[in-house]
Amino acid sequence: MARVVVDVMPKTEILDPQGQAIVGALGRLGFAGIADVRQGKRFELEVDGSVDDAALERIAAELLANTVIENFTVSRAEQ
Protein backbone atom coordinates (compact mmCIF):
# COMPACT_ATOMS: atom_id res chain seq x y z
CA MET A 1 0.00 0.00 0.00
CA ALA A 2 1.15 3.51 -0.77
CA ARG A 3 0.01 6.80 0.67
CA VAL A 4 -0.98 9.48 -1.82
CA VAL A 5 -1.52 13.08 -0.76
CA VAL A 6 -3.80 15.41 -2.71
CA ASP A 7 -3.57 19.07 -1.70
CA VAL A 8 -6.36 21.32 -2.95
CA MET A 9 -6.12 25.12 -2.76
CA PRO A 10 -8.27 27.96 -4.08
CA LYS A 11 -6.86 29.55 -7.22
CA THR A 12 -5.01 32.80 -6.49
CA GLU A 13 -7.62 34.89 -8.33
CA ILE A 14 -10.45 33.43 -6.23
CA LEU A 15 -11.49 35.22 -3.04
CA ASP A 16 -10.86 33.07 0.07
CA PRO A 17 -13.28 34.29 2.78
CA GLN A 18 -12.18 31.58 5.23
CA GLY A 19 -8.57 32.67 4.86
CA GLN A 20 -9.54 36.30 5.38
CA ALA A 21 -11.47 35.35 8.54
CA ILE A 22 -8.37 33.58 9.85
CA VAL A 23 -6.21 36.67 9.16
CA GLY A 24 -8.69 38.81 11.10
CA ALA A 25 -8.80 36.38 14.01
CA LEU A 26 -5.00 36.21 14.18
CA GLY A 27 -4.83 40.01 14.45
CA ARG A 28 -7.44 40.06 17.20
CA LEU A 29 -5.48 37.39 19.08
CA GLY A 30 -2.36 39.55 18.97
CA PHE A 31 -0.44 37.77 16.19
CA ALA A 32 1.16 40.49 14.08
CA GLY A 33 2.83 40.22 10.69
CA ILE A 34 0.40 37.79 9.02
CA ALA A 35 -0.55 39.39 5.71
CA ASP A 36 -2.56 36.61 4.06
CA VAL A 37 -3.94 33.14 4.69
CA ARG A 38 -5.31 30.73 2.08
CA GLN A 39 -7.26 27.76 3.42
CA GLY A 40 -7.27 24.53 1.48
CA LYS A 41 -7.95 20.83 1.83
CA ARG A 42 -5.66 17.83 2.19
CA PHE A 43 -6.69 14.30 1.27
CA GLU A 44 -4.66 11.20 2.11
CA LEU A 45 -5.42 8.09 0.11
CA GLU A 46 -4.08 4.59 0.78
CA VAL A 47 -3.76 2.91 -2.61
CA ASP A 48 -2.42 -0.38 -3.88
CA GLY A 49 -0.03 -0.81 -6.77
CA SER A 50 -2.81 -1.07 -9.34
CA VAL A 51 -3.65 2.67 -9.06
CA ASP A 52 -1.42 4.60 -11.45
CA ASP A 53 -0.62 8.32 -11.56
CA ALA A 54 -3.13 8.99 -14.35
CA ALA A 55 -5.95 7.50 -12.25
CA LEU A 56 -4.89 9.58 -9.26
CA GLU A 57 -4.94 12.77 -11.34
CA ARG A 58 -8.41 11.86 -12.60
CA ILE A 59 -9.67 11.18 -9.05
CA ALA A 60 -8.38 14.57 -7.92
CA ALA A 61 -9.76 16.46 -10.92
CA GLU A 62 -13.18 14.80 -11.02
CA LEU A 63 -13.96 14.28 -7.34
CA LEU A 64 -11.66 15.98 -4.84
CA ALA A 65 -11.22 19.41 -6.43
CA ASN A 66 -13.51 21.88 -8.13
CA THR A 67 -11.14 22.71 -10.96
CA VAL A 68 -13.06 25.87 -11.87
CA ILE A 69 -11.96 27.56 -8.62
CA GLU A 70 -9.29 25.23 -7.17
CA ASN A 71 -5.85 23.92 -8.08
CA PHE A 72 -4.55 20.59 -6.84
CA THR A 73 -1.31 18.65 -6.53
CA VAL A 74 -0.95 14.90 -6.24
CA SER A 75 2.11 13.34 -4.64
CA ARG A 76 3.07 9.95 -3.35
CA ALA A 77 4.13 10.29 0.29
CA GLU A 78 7.20 8.48 1.53
CA GLN A 79 6.38 5.86 4.13
C-alpha atoms as a PDB file:
ATOM      1  CA  MET A   1       0.000   0.000   0.000  1.00  0.00           C
ATOM      2  CA  ALA A   2       1.153   3.505  -0.774  1.00  0.00           C
ATOM      3  CA  ARG A   3       0.008   6.796   0.666  1.00  0.00           C
ATOM      4  CA  VAL A   4      -0.981   9.483  -1.820  1.00  0.00           C
ATOM      5  CA  VAL A   5      -1.524  13.079  -0.757  1.00  0.00           C
ATOM      6  CA  VAL A   6      -3.803  15.406  -2.707  1.00  0.00           C
ATOM      7  CA  ASP A   7      -3.569  19.067  -1.697  1.00  0.00           C
ATOM      8  CA  VAL A   8      -6.357  21.322  -2.950  1.00  0.00           C
ATOM      9  CA  MET A   9      -6.119  25.124  -2.765  1.00  0.00           C
ATOM     10  CA  PRO A  10      -8.272  27.962  -4.085  1.00  0.00           C
ATOM     11  CA  LYS A  11      -6.856  29.546  -7.222  1.00  0.00           C
ATOM     12  CA  THR A  12      -5.015  32.800  -6.495  1.00  0.00           C
ATOM     13  CA  GLU A  13      -7.625  34.886  -8.331  1.00  0.00           C
ATOM     14  CA  ILE A  14     -10.453  33.426  -6.228  1.00  0.00           C
ATOM     15  CA  LEU A  15     -11.485  35.222  -3.036  1.00  0.00           C
ATOM     16  CA  ASP A  16     -10.864  33.075   0.072  1.00  0.00           C
ATOM     17  CA  PRO A  17     -13.281  34.285   2.782  1.00  0.00           C
ATOM     18  CA  GLN A  18     -12.177  31.585   5.227  1.00  0.00           C
ATOM     19  CA  GLY A  19      -8.571  32.666   4.857  1.00  0.00           C
ATOM     20  CA  GLN A  20      -9.544  36.299   5.378  1.00  0.00           C
ATOM     21  CA  ALA A  21     -11.471  35.351   8.537  1.00  0.00           C
ATOM     22  CA  ILE A  22      -8.371  33.584   9.853  1.00  0.00           C
ATOM     23  CA  VAL A  23      -6.207  36.667   9.165  1.00  0.00           C
ATOM     24  CA  GLY A  24      -8.693  38.811  11.100  1.00  0.00           C
ATOM     25  CA  ALA A  25      -8.795  36.378  14.014  1.00  0.00           C
ATOM     26  CA  LEU A  26      -4.999  36.214  14.180  1.00  0.00           C
ATOM     27  CA  GLY A  27      -4.830  40.013  14.447  1.00  0.00           C
ATOM     28  CA  ARG A  28      -7.442  40.062  17.199  1.00  0.00           C
ATOM     29  CA  LEU A  29      -5.476  37.394  19.075  1.00  0.00           C
ATOM     30  CA  GLY A  30      -2.361  39.553  18.966  1.00  0.00           C
ATOM     31  CA  PHE A  31      -0.444  37.772  16.190  1.00  0.00           C
ATOM     32  CA  ALA A  32       1.161  40.490  14.077  1.00  0.00           C
ATOM     33  CA  GLY A  33       2.832  40.221  10.688  1.00  0.00           C
ATOM     34  CA  ILE A  34       0.396  37.791   9.017  1.00  0.00           C
ATOM     35  CA  ALA A  35      -0.549  39.390   5.708  1.00  0.00           C
ATOM     36  CA  ASP A  36      -2.563  36.611   4.065  1.00  0.00           C
ATOM     37  CA  VAL A  37      -3.945  33.136   4.688  1.00  0.00           C
ATOM     38  CA  ARG A  38      -5.309  30.728   2.083  1.00  0.00           C
ATOM     39  CA  GLN A  39      -7.264  27.764   3.423  1.00  0.00           C
ATOM     40  CA  GLY A  40      -7.270  24.535   1.476  1.00  0.00           C
ATOM     41  CA  LYS A  41      -7.947  20.835   1.831  1.00  0.00           C
ATOM     42  CA  ARG A  42      -5.657  17.825   2.191  1.00  0.00           C
ATOM     43  CA  PHE A  43      -6.694  14.296   1.273  1.00  0.00           C
ATOM     44  CA  GLU A  44      -4.655  11.199   2.115  1.00  0.00           C
ATOM     45  CA  LEU A  45      -5.422   8.094   0.109  1.00  0.00           C
ATOM     46  CA  GLU A  46      -4.082   4.591   0.775  1.00  0.00           C
ATOM     47  CA  VAL A  47      -3.758   2.913  -2.614  1.00  0.00           C
ATOM     48  CA  ASP A  48      -2.416  -0.384  -3.879  1.00  0.00           C
ATOM     49  CA  GLY A  49      -0.029  -0.812  -6.774  1.00  0.00           C
ATOM     50  CA  SER A  50      -2.812  -1.066  -9.345  1.00  0.00           C
ATOM     51  CA  VAL A  51      -3.650   2.665  -9.065  1.00  0.00           C
ATOM     52  CA  ASP A  52      -1.423   4.604 -11.454  1.00  0.00           C
ATOM     53  CA  ASP A  53      -0.625   8.318 -11.556  1.00  0.00           C
ATOM     54  CA  ALA A  54      -3.133   8.993 -14.346  1.00  0.00           C
ATOM     55  CA  ALA A  55      -5.948   7.495 -12.253  1.00  0.00           C
ATOM     56  CA  LEU A  56      -4.894   9.581  -9.257  1.00  0.00           C
ATOM     57  CA  GLU A  57      -4.941  12.771 -11.338  1.00  0.00           C
ATOM     58  CA  ARG A  58      -8.412  11.861 -12.599  1.00  0.00           C
ATOM     59  CA  ILE A  59      -9.671  11.181  -9.054  1.00  0.00           C
ATOM     60  CA  ALA A  60      -8.382  14.573  -7.918  1.00  0.00           C
ATOM     61  CA  ALA A  61      -9.763  16.460 -10.920  1.00  0.00           C
ATOM     62  CA  GLU A  62     -13.177  14.796 -11.017  1.00  0.00           C
ATOM     63  CA  LEU A  63     -13.964  14.280  -7.339  1.00  0.00           C
ATOM     64  CA  LEU A  64     -11.656  15.976  -4.842  1.00  0.00           C
ATOM     65  CA  ALA A  65     -11.222  19.411  -6.427  1.00  0.00           C
ATOM     66  CA  ASN A  66     -13.513  21.876  -8.134  1.00  0.00           C
ATOM     67  CA  THR A  67     -11.139  22.714 -10.961  1.00  0.00           C
ATOM     68  CA  VAL A  68     -13.061  25.873 -11.868  1.00  0.00           C
ATOM     69  CA  ILE A  69     -11.958  27.555  -8.620  1.00  0.00           C
ATOM     70  CA  GLU A  70      -9.292  25.231  -7.167  1.00  0.00           C
ATOM     71  CA  ASN A  71      -5.847  23.917  -8.078  1.00  0.00           C
ATOM     72  CA  PHE A  72      -4.549  20.594  -6.835  1.00  0.00           C
ATOM     73  CA  THR A  73      -1.315  18.653  -6.530  1.00  0.00           C
ATOM     74  CA  VAL A  74      -0.954  14.896  -6.244  1.00  0.00           C
ATOM     75  CA  SER A  75       2.112  13.342  -4.637  1.00  0.00           C
ATOM     76  CA  ARG A  76       3.069   9.950  -3.346  1.00  0.00           C
ATOM     77  CA  ALA A  77       4.134  10.288   0.290  1.00  0.00           C
ATOM     78  CA  GLU A  78       7.197   8.476   1.535  1.00  0.00           C
ATOM     79  CA  GLN A  79       6.381   5.865   4.126  1.00  0.00           C
END
